[in-house]
Protein backbone atom coordinates (compact mmCIF):
# COMPACT_ATOMS: atom_id res chain seq x y z
CA MET A 1 -23.38 -74.35 38.49
CA ALA A 2 -24.40 -74.63 34.75
CA GLY A 3 -27.96 -73.11 35.57
CA GLN A 4 -26.57 -70.14 37.01
CA SER A 5 -23.95 -69.46 34.33
CA ARG A 6 -27.09 -69.81 31.81
CA THR A 7 -28.92 -67.36 33.87
CA SER A 8 -26.26 -65.22 33.99
CA GLU A 9 -25.99 -65.19 30.33
CA SER A 10 -29.48 -64.72 29.63
CA SER A 11 -29.62 -61.68 32.01
CA ASP A 12 -26.54 -59.81 30.27
CA ARG A 13 -28.35 -60.75 26.91
CA LYS A 14 -31.32 -58.89 28.41
CA ILE A 15 -29.28 -56.03 29.69
CA MET A 16 -27.34 -55.70 26.25
CA ARG A 17 -30.79 -55.62 24.32
CA ALA A 18 -32.43 -52.85 26.62
CA ALA A 19 -29.21 -50.72 26.27
CA LYS A 20 -29.41 -51.34 22.35
CA ILE A 21 -33.13 -50.03 22.33
CA LEU A 22 -32.58 -47.17 24.66
CA ALA A 23 -29.40 -46.20 22.15
CA ALA A 24 -31.30 -46.32 19.46
CA ALA A 25 -34.10 -44.25 21.01
CA GLU A 26 -31.64 -41.45 22.08
CA MET A 27 -30.23 -41.41 18.56
CA ILE A 28 -33.76 -40.50 17.36
CA LEU A 29 -34.48 -38.12 20.20
CA ARG A 30 -31.11 -36.56 19.25
CA GLU A 31 -31.82 -36.14 15.48
CA GLY A 32 -35.41 -35.03 15.69
CA ASP A 33 -37.51 -32.62 17.74
CA GLY A 34 -37.56 -34.64 20.88
CA GLU A 35 -40.23 -36.89 19.90
CA LEU A 36 -40.35 -40.70 19.12
CA GLU A 37 -42.38 -43.81 18.38
CA MET A 38 -41.85 -47.01 19.27
CA GLY A 39 -41.71 -48.17 15.80
CA GLN A 40 -39.07 -46.09 14.90
CA VAL A 41 -36.98 -47.48 17.87
CA ALA A 42 -37.69 -50.63 17.08
CA LYS A 43 -36.30 -50.20 13.47
CA ARG A 44 -33.58 -48.40 14.39
CA ALA A 45 -32.71 -51.09 17.08
CA GLY A 46 -33.10 -53.87 14.89
CA VAL A 47 -35.61 -55.59 17.09
CA SER A 48 -39.62 -56.31 16.95
CA VAL A 49 -42.10 -53.62 18.50
CA GLY A 50 -43.25 -56.41 20.72
CA LEU A 51 -39.74 -56.50 22.22
CA ALA A 52 -39.77 -52.88 23.07
CA TYR A 53 -42.54 -52.79 24.75
CA HIS A 54 -41.74 -56.20 26.53
CA TYR A 55 -38.79 -53.94 27.88
CA PHE A 56 -40.40 -50.73 28.60
CA GLY A 57 -43.91 -51.08 28.82
CA SER A 58 -44.67 -47.97 26.86
CA LYS A 59 -43.23 -45.08 25.34
CA SER A 60 -43.74 -43.07 28.46
CA GLY A 61 -41.65 -45.92 30.24
CA MET A 62 -38.67 -45.64 27.49
CA LEU A 63 -38.36 -41.91 28.01
CA GLY A 64 -38.65 -42.37 31.42
CA ALA A 65 -35.79 -44.70 31.23
CA ILE A 66 -33.55 -42.03 29.25
CA ILE A 67 -34.21 -39.28 31.66
CA HIS A 68 -33.35 -41.15 34.70
CA ALA A 69 -30.02 -42.35 32.96
CA PHE A 70 -29.53 -38.65 32.27
CA TYR A 71 -30.04 -37.50 35.90
CA ASP A 72 -27.75 -40.40 37.12
CA ARG A 73 -25.51 -39.31 34.67
CA TYR A 74 -25.77 -35.51 35.97
CA ASN A 75 -26.06 -36.48 39.72
CA GLN A 76 -22.81 -38.73 39.74
CA VAL A 77 -21.06 -35.66 38.31
CA ALA A 78 -22.86 -33.22 40.92
CA ASN A 79 -21.80 -35.55 43.73
CA GLN A 80 -18.34 -36.61 42.67
CA TYR A 81 -15.93 -36.98 45.33
CA ILE A 82 -13.66 -34.03 45.51
CA ASP A 83 -10.97 -34.01 48.90
CA PRO A 84 -12.88 -32.19 51.84
CA ASP A 85 -9.55 -30.90 53.21
CA ILE A 86 -9.68 -28.17 50.08
CA GLU A 87 -10.89 -24.74 50.55
CA TRP A 88 -14.93 -25.53 50.36
CA GLY A 89 -14.76 -22.40 47.53
CA VAL A 90 -11.78 -23.71 45.52
CA ARG A 91 -13.68 -27.30 46.19
CA GLU A 92 -17.09 -26.14 44.80
CA LYS A 93 -15.90 -24.23 41.94
CA ARG A 94 -14.54 -27.42 40.73
CA ARG A 95 -17.62 -29.03 41.00
CA LEU A 96 -19.29 -26.53 38.94
CA MET A 97 -16.69 -26.69 36.42
CA ALA A 98 -17.23 -30.23 36.17
CA VAL A 99 -21.00 -29.83 35.81
CA VAL A 100 -20.61 -27.31 33.38
CA GLU A 101 -18.16 -29.67 31.17
CA PHE A 102 -20.75 -32.48 31.74
CA LEU A 103 -23.62 -30.72 30.66
CA TYR A 104 -21.59 -29.23 27.46
CA HIS A 105 -20.72 -32.63 26.42
CA ASP A 106 -23.64 -35.23 27.57
CA PRO A 107 -25.48 -35.67 23.94
CA MET A 108 -28.79 -35.86 25.82
CA ALA A 109 -28.40 -32.85 27.77
CA PRO A 110 -29.54 -30.62 25.15
CA VAL A 111 -32.45 -32.71 24.19
CA ILE A 112 -33.68 -33.05 27.88
CA LEU A 113 -32.92 -29.93 29.10
CA GLY A 114 -34.15 -28.08 25.79
CA LYS A 115 -36.40 -30.03 23.46
CA MET A 116 -38.04 -32.23 25.95
CA ALA A 117 -37.76 -29.92 28.82
CA ARG A 118 -41.64 -28.71 28.77
CA THR A 119 -43.18 -32.38 28.62
CA ASN A 120 -44.74 -34.10 31.46
CA GLN A 121 -42.05 -36.84 31.62
CA VAL A 122 -39.45 -34.24 32.04
CA ALA A 123 -41.08 -32.18 34.28
CA ALA A 124 -42.21 -34.95 36.88
CA VAL A 125 -38.43 -36.17 36.79
CA GLU A 126 -36.92 -32.62 36.68
CA SER A 127 -38.99 -31.59 39.85
CA ALA A 128 -37.55 -34.87 42.03
CA ARG A 129 -34.14 -34.48 40.85
CA HIS A 130 -34.35 -30.76 41.54
CA GLU A 131 -35.21 -31.05 44.99
CA GLU A 132 -32.26 -33.50 45.68
CA MET A 133 -29.66 -31.02 44.10
CA ILE A 134 -31.09 -28.33 46.53
CA GLU A 135 -30.75 -30.97 49.60
CA MET A 136 -27.26 -31.47 48.19
CA ALA A 137 -26.39 -27.71 47.83
CA ILE A 138 -28.17 -27.33 51.42
CA ARG A 139 -25.53 -29.85 52.86
CA ASN A 140 -22.56 -28.37 51.13
CA ILE A 141 -23.22 -24.82 52.24
CA ASN A 142 -23.92 -26.04 55.89
CA SER A 143 -20.08 -27.67 55.85
CA GLY A 144 -18.50 -24.34 54.45
CA ILE A 145 -20.17 -22.78 57.42
CA ARG A 146 -18.69 -25.54 59.97
CA ARG A 147 -15.42 -25.01 58.15
CA GLY A 148 -15.34 -21.31 58.91
CA ASP A 149 -15.34 -20.75 55.13
CA ILE A 150 -19.09 -19.48 54.82
CA GLY A 151 -20.17 -16.64 57.34
CA SER A 152 -23.08 -18.20 60.15
CA HIS A 153 -25.34 -15.35 58.85
CA ILE A 154 -25.95 -17.03 55.74
CA ASP A 155 -29.31 -18.98 55.82
CA PRO A 156 -28.19 -22.54 54.01
CA THR A 157 -31.89 -23.27 52.94
CA ILE A 158 -32.56 -20.27 51.07
CA ALA A 159 -29.12 -20.09 49.46
CA GLY A 160 -29.26 -23.60 48.24
CA ALA A 161 -32.13 -23.14 46.78
CA ALA A 162 -31.44 -19.93 45.05
CA ILE A 163 -28.13 -20.97 43.70
CA THR A 164 -29.54 -24.41 42.41
CA GLY A 165 -31.76 -22.86 40.39
CA ALA A 166 -29.60 -19.83 39.13
CA ILE A 167 -27.29 -22.55 38.15
CA ARG A 168 -29.56 -24.48 36.00
CA SER A 169 -31.10 -21.63 34.52
CA GLY A 170 -27.65 -20.07 33.81
CA ILE A 171 -26.10 -23.00 31.92
CA MET A 172 -29.52 -23.85 30.05
CA HIS A 173 -29.47 -20.59 28.55
CA ALA A 174 -25.61 -20.60 27.77
CA MET A 175 -26.49 -24.24 26.06
CA ALA A 176 -28.93 -22.47 23.95
CA ARG A 177 -26.81 -19.87 22.55
CA ASP A 178 -24.79 -20.10 19.10
CA PRO A 179 -22.09 -20.24 19.85
CA GLN A 180 -22.15 -21.60 23.18
CA PRO A 181 -19.85 -19.55 25.90
CA ASP A 182 -16.62 -21.02 26.69
CA PRO A 183 -17.12 -23.53 29.48
CA ALA A 184 -14.36 -21.59 31.73
CA LYS A 185 -15.74 -18.01 31.60
CA LEU A 186 -19.34 -19.44 32.08
CA THR A 187 -18.25 -21.19 35.32
CA HIS A 188 -16.46 -18.08 36.44
CA GLN A 189 -19.35 -15.83 35.87
CA ILE A 190 -21.93 -18.73 37.58
CA TRP A 191 -18.97 -18.91 40.49
CA GLY A 192 -19.33 -14.83 40.85
CA MET A 193 -23.26 -15.16 41.19
CA ILE A 194 -23.00 -17.79 43.82
CA ALA A 195 -19.95 -15.68 45.73
CA GLY A 196 -22.26 -12.84 45.93
CA ALA A 197 -25.11 -14.81 47.19
CA LEU A 198 -22.84 -16.93 50.13
CA ASP A 199 -21.10 -13.31 50.61
CA ILE A 200 -17.33 -15.12 50.35
CA ALA A 201 -14.36 -14.21 48.30
CA ARG A 202 -15.16 -14.89 44.56
């Protein structure tokens, strides 16, 4: 039992150290132009450069961990449980509002979707996560069709891909504006596009 306790404490310390290093890296990315060096991160975190490499292997490994963590948070919001008995359109507009609010307030959103958007690391993760979001959209549209809230003449595959791309593009452009559009108004405008694509009441 004592051995297990020491192992658990050691594991907790490693998790806390890794989190501290990632927090320092995120701060540098937010303050700068989306670039960082391992030496900068180690200094900000108060650890040795060797320890930073030990946990993440390389700068690419560290950036990958940050990007995946962001998309994990994003997907948690986009995939959140909402009472399935609610009318499909009401439910999905509520989901859209949650996504807009998340992207407006997550401190890494303007970095990953803006400053770092064209980097190889972001592009690789974005491609995989975008496909996940399209699949989720297709499932959601299919559920709306089965419920009778969306007409059977709508092709879920085409609509899912088109809507997912439009949502991301619309929100990214809104985030880049100064001042940013009101999130409720932005949600209403994007939802109007979605309603048009699905031929449902706004």
